[in-house]
């Protein structure tokens, strides 16, 4: 798995309220460095507490301000997965329709104390 620091959207980001990832990725900046598919990966870096849920979405936009973001994919995770450190929540190929910029977006409901790492990579390891 190739992991470029420019492809990291969240590195152990504390997620206690609904918010975007701390970083965005400009897909045109890398050029054609990686042949084949790219993957969006989300992992629990520090366990969450609470009985609620966390939705992780991959958003794209034409501008870096995400004036009109488009949700490419999203999934909601419950306490059983969020409570386990180093748990991989998703590892999915980037879908069609990706524009110039991408970011993760987190919607929090009754969970706290956790951290996430999300990134774009050329492959995933099990």
Protein backbone atom coordinates (compact mmCIF):
# COMPACT_ATOMS: atom_id res chain seq x y z
CA UNK A 1 0.00 0.00 0.00
CA UNK A 2 1.37 3.37 -1.05
CA UNK A 3 0.56 6.17 1.42
CA UNK A 4 1.53 9.70 0.42
CA UNK A 5 1.17 12.42 3.06
CA UNK A 6 -0.62 14.54 0.45
CA UNK A 7 -3.28 11.82 0.26
CA UNK A 8 -4.05 11.85 4.00
CA UNK A 9 -7.42 13.48 4.69
CA UNK A 10 -7.39 12.90 8.47
CA UNK A 11 -4.48 11.69 10.57
CA UNK A 12 -5.76 10.64 13.97
CA UNK A 13 -8.30 13.47 13.80
CA UNK A 14 -10.41 13.86 16.93
CA UNK A 15 -14.02 13.54 15.80
CA UNK A 16 -16.45 14.77 18.43
CA UNK A 17 -18.77 16.91 16.29
CA UNK A 18 -20.01 16.93 12.71
CA UNK A 19 -17.17 18.33 10.58
CA UNK A 20 -15.03 17.82 7.47
CA UNK A 21 -11.61 16.18 7.47
CA UNK A 22 -8.71 18.43 8.42
CA UNK A 23 -7.18 18.07 4.94
CA UNK A 24 -8.44 17.98 1.38
CA UNK A 25 -6.79 16.38 -1.62
CA UNK A 26 -6.30 18.04 -4.99
CA UNK A 27 -6.39 15.12 -7.40
CA UNK A 28 -4.80 17.12 -10.21
CA UNK A 29 -1.67 17.85 -8.15
CA UNK A 30 -0.44 14.25 -8.33
CA UNK A 31 -0.78 13.86 -12.08
CA UNK A 32 -0.65 10.25 -13.26
CA UNK A 33 1.69 8.94 -10.58
CA UNK A 34 -0.40 5.85 -9.76
CA UNK A 35 -1.76 3.56 -12.46
CA UNK A 36 -5.00 1.74 -11.75
CA UNK A 37 -7.58 2.28 -9.04
CA UNK A 38 -7.36 4.46 -5.96
CA UNK A 39 -9.07 3.53 -2.69
CA UNK A 40 -10.69 5.53 0.11
CA UNK A 41 -9.78 4.04 3.50
CA UNK A 42 -11.14 4.97 6.94
CA UNK A 43 -9.74 3.54 10.19
CA UNK A 44 -10.43 4.04 13.89
CA UNK A 45 -7.23 5.53 15.37
CA UNK A 46 -8.65 5.81 18.91
CA UNK A 47 -11.82 4.07 20.10
CA UNK A 48 -15.07 6.00 20.41
CA UNK A 49 -17.41 5.76 23.38
CA UNK A 50 -21.18 6.00 23.39
CA UNK A 51 -24.03 4.09 21.84
CA UNK A 52 -24.57 6.32 18.82
CA UNK A 53 -23.37 6.32 15.24
CA UNK A 54 -20.85 7.99 12.98
CA UNK A 55 -21.39 8.55 9.28
CA UNK A 56 -18.29 8.82 7.12
CA UNK A 57 -18.80 10.32 3.68
CA UNK A 58 -16.41 10.93 0.82
CA UNK A 59 -17.21 14.27 -0.78
CA UNK A 60 -15.93 15.86 -3.97
CA UNK A 61 -16.09 19.38 -5.38
CA UNK A 62 -14.77 21.53 -8.19
CA UNK A 63 -13.38 24.13 -5.75
CA UNK A 64 -11.26 23.80 -2.62
CA UNK A 65 -13.88 25.63 -0.53
CA UNK A 66 -16.38 22.82 -1.26
CA UNK A 67 -19.02 25.40 -2.13
CA UNK A 68 -21.27 22.70 -3.64
CA UNK A 69 -20.00 19.36 -2.32
CA UNK A 70 -21.20 16.11 -3.85
CA UNK A 71 -21.33 12.99 -1.69
CA UNK A 72 -19.76 10.15 -3.64
CA UNK A 73 -20.27 7.52 -0.98
CA UNK A 74 -21.18 7.28 2.66
CA UNK A 75 -21.75 4.72 5.37
CA UNK A 76 -22.96 4.86 8.96
CA UNK A 77 -21.14 2.86 11.63
CA UNK A 78 -22.40 1.80 15.03
CA UNK A 79 -20.78 1.57 18.44
CA UNK A 80 -19.58 -2.02 17.99
CA UNK A 81 -17.17 -1.02 15.19
CA UNK A 82 -16.32 2.43 16.53
CA UNK A 83 -15.22 1.06 19.89
CA UNK A 84 -12.29 -0.90 18.46
CA UNK A 85 -8.93 0.82 17.91
CA UNK A 86 -7.27 0.06 14.55
CA UNK A 87 -10.58 -1.13 13.09
CA UNK A 88 -10.76 -0.57 9.32
CA UNK A 89 -14.24 0.81 8.69
CA UNK A 90 -14.05 0.99 4.92
CA UNK A 91 -11.63 0.41 2.07
CA UNK A 92 -13.44 1.07 -1.20
CA UNK A 93 -12.41 2.10 -4.71
CA UNK A 94 -13.03 5.74 -5.60
CA UNK A 95 -16.35 5.80 -7.46
CA UNK A 96 -17.08 7.49 -10.76
CA UNK A 97 -17.82 11.20 -10.67
CA UNK A 98 -14.78 12.39 -8.73
CA UNK A 99 -14.04 16.06 -9.35
CA UNK A 100 -10.78 17.93 -8.63
CA UNK A 101 -10.99 17.96 -4.81
CA UNK A 102 -11.95 15.28 -2.27
CA UNK A 103 -12.41 15.26 1.50
CA UNK A 104 -13.99 13.13 4.18
CA UNK A 105 -17.01 14.43 6.08
CA UNK A 106 -18.05 13.11 9.48
CA UNK A 107 -21.58 13.23 10.90
CA UNK A 108 -21.53 12.44 14.63
CA UNK A 109 -24.50 11.21 16.67
CA UNK A 110 -23.99 10.36 20.35
CA UNK A 111 -20.39 9.11 20.19
CA UNK A 112 -17.28 10.85 21.51
CA UNK A 113 -13.63 10.52 22.39
CA UNK A 114 -12.58 8.82 19.17
CA UNK A 115 -10.12 9.60 16.42
CA UNK A 116 -10.12 8.68 12.74
CA UNK A 117 -7.51 8.32 10.05
CA UNK A 118 -8.75 8.57 6.46
CA UNK A 119 -6.70 8.54 3.30
CA UNK A 120 -6.55 7.78 -0.40
CA UNK A 121 -4.20 5.00 -1.46
CA UNK A 122 -3.36 2.76 -4.40
CA UNK A 123 -4.24 -0.48 -2.67
CA UNK A 124 -5.37 -1.97 0.59
CA UNK A 125 -3.92 -4.58 2.90
CA UNK A 126 -6.02 -6.94 4.97
